[in-house]
Amino acid sequence: MAYGNEPTPFQRWAEAHGASKALDGFGMLLEQAAESFYLWRGIRPGTQALRIAMR
C-alpha cells in the first residue's frame, strides 16, 4: 500500500496492462481505522466526510 496524490509505478503498470481500476489502498486503511475505533470506543465514525477531507 502506498498513499499519495499521484499513482505509483505499479498502479500505472496495472492500468497500462488492462486493469479497469488501480486503487492506492487509502479507503481500506480508513475503513480499518474506523472499525478499530468502533471496537475500542463503541462509536462507529462516519468515513465519507473524512475521506473527502483527507484527500
C-alpha atoms as a PDB file:
ATOM      1  CA  MET A   1       0.000   0.000   0.000  1.00  0.00           C
ATOM      2  CA  ALA A   2       1.170   3.469  -0.824  1.00  0.00           C
ATOM      3  CA  TYR A   3      -0.785   6.627  -0.221  1.00  0.00           C
ATOM      4  CA  GLY A   4      -0.163   9.717  -2.273  1.00  0.00           C
ATOM      5  CA  ASN A   5      -1.592  12.182  -4.724  1.00  0.00           C
ATOM      6  CA  GLU A   6      -0.017  10.549  -7.764  1.00  0.00           C
ATOM      7  CA  PRO A   7      -0.366   6.955  -8.974  1.00  0.00           C
ATOM      8  CA  THR A   8       2.509   4.653  -8.099  1.00  0.00           C
ATOM      9  CA  PRO A   9       4.544   2.968 -10.836  1.00  0.00           C
ATOM     10  CA  PHE A  10       2.663  -0.253 -10.077  1.00  0.00           C
ATOM     11  CA  GLN A  11      -0.720   1.452 -10.477  1.00  0.00           C
ATOM     12  CA  ARG A  12       0.409   2.899 -13.824  1.00  0.00           C
ATOM     13  CA  TRP A  13       1.657  -0.524 -14.921  1.00  0.00           C
ATOM     14  CA  ALA A  14      -1.632  -2.183 -13.920  1.00  0.00           C
ATOM     15  CA  GLU A  15      -3.694   0.353 -15.858  1.00  0.00           C
ATOM     16  CA  ALA A  16      -1.401   0.019 -18.888  1.00  0.00           C
ATOM     17  CA  HIS A  17      -1.994  -3.736 -18.784  1.00  0.00           C
ATOM     18  CA  GLY A  18      -5.781  -3.590 -18.727  1.00  0.00           C
ATOM     19  CA  ALA A  19      -6.757  -3.101 -15.086  1.00  0.00           C
ATOM     20  CA  SER A  20     -10.068  -1.274 -15.015  1.00  0.00           C
ATOM     21  CA  LYS A  21      -9.169   0.348 -11.685  1.00  0.00           C
ATOM     22  CA  ALA A  22      -5.963   0.709  -9.672  1.00  0.00           C
ATOM     23  CA  LEU A  23      -6.507   1.928  -6.118  1.00  0.00           C
ATOM     24  CA  ASP A  24      -3.926   3.010  -3.579  1.00  0.00           C
ATOM     25  CA  GLY A  25      -5.427   1.332  -0.515  1.00  0.00           C
ATOM     26  CA  PHE A  26      -6.342   4.562   1.276  1.00  0.00           C
ATOM     27  CA  GLY A  27     -10.001   3.534   1.518  1.00  0.00           C
ATOM     28  CA  MET A  28      -9.092   0.243   3.157  1.00  0.00           C
ATOM     29  CA  LEU A  29      -6.783   1.999   5.641  1.00  0.00           C
ATOM     30  CA  LEU A  30      -9.515   4.484   6.560  1.00  0.00           C
ATOM     31  CA  GLU A  31     -12.214   1.827   6.973  1.00  0.00           C
ATOM     32  CA  GLN A  32      -9.943  -0.387   9.088  1.00  0.00           C
ATOM     33  CA  ALA A  33      -9.192   2.585  11.340  1.00  0.00           C
ATOM     34  CA  ALA A  34     -12.917   3.325  11.670  1.00  0.00           C
ATOM     35  CA  GLU A  35     -13.651  -0.293  12.564  1.00  0.00           C
ATOM     36  CA  SER A  36     -10.883  -0.279  15.190  1.00  0.00           C
ATOM     37  CA  PHE A  37     -12.286   2.943  16.632  1.00  0.00           C
ATOM     38  CA  TYR A  38     -15.682   1.271  16.859  1.00  0.00           C
ATOM     39  CA  LEU A  39     -14.247  -1.766  18.660  1.00  0.00           C
ATOM     40  CA  TRP A  40     -12.331   0.411  21.127  1.00  0.00           C
ATOM     41  CA  ARG A  41     -14.881   3.141  21.765  1.00  0.00           C
ATOM     42  CA  GLY A  42     -18.261   1.702  20.719  1.00  0.00           C
ATOM     43  CA  ILE A  43     -18.813   4.559  18.272  1.00  0.00           C
ATOM     44  CA  ARG A  44     -18.816   3.972  14.539  1.00  0.00           C
ATOM     45  CA  PRO A  45     -17.377   7.092  12.911  1.00  0.00           C
ATOM     46  CA  GLY A  46     -18.605   8.274   9.545  1.00  0.00           C
ATOM     47  CA  THR A  47     -15.868   7.905   6.971  1.00  0.00           C
ATOM     48  CA  GLN A  48     -17.208   9.642   3.873  1.00  0.00           C
ATOM     49  CA  ALA A  49     -16.557  13.208   5.057  1.00  0.00           C
ATOM     50  CA  LEU A  50     -13.180  12.184   6.454  1.00  0.00           C
ATOM     51  CA  ARG A  51     -12.235  10.516   3.164  1.00  0.00           C
ATOM     52  CA  ILE A  52     -13.000  13.742   1.285  1.00  0.00           C
ATOM     53  CA  ALA A  53     -11.177  15.923   3.801  1.00  0.00           C
ATOM     54  CA  MET A  54      -8.063  13.752   3.813  1.00  0.00           C
ATOM     55  CA  ARG A  55      -7.802  13.523   0.036  1.00  0.00           C
END
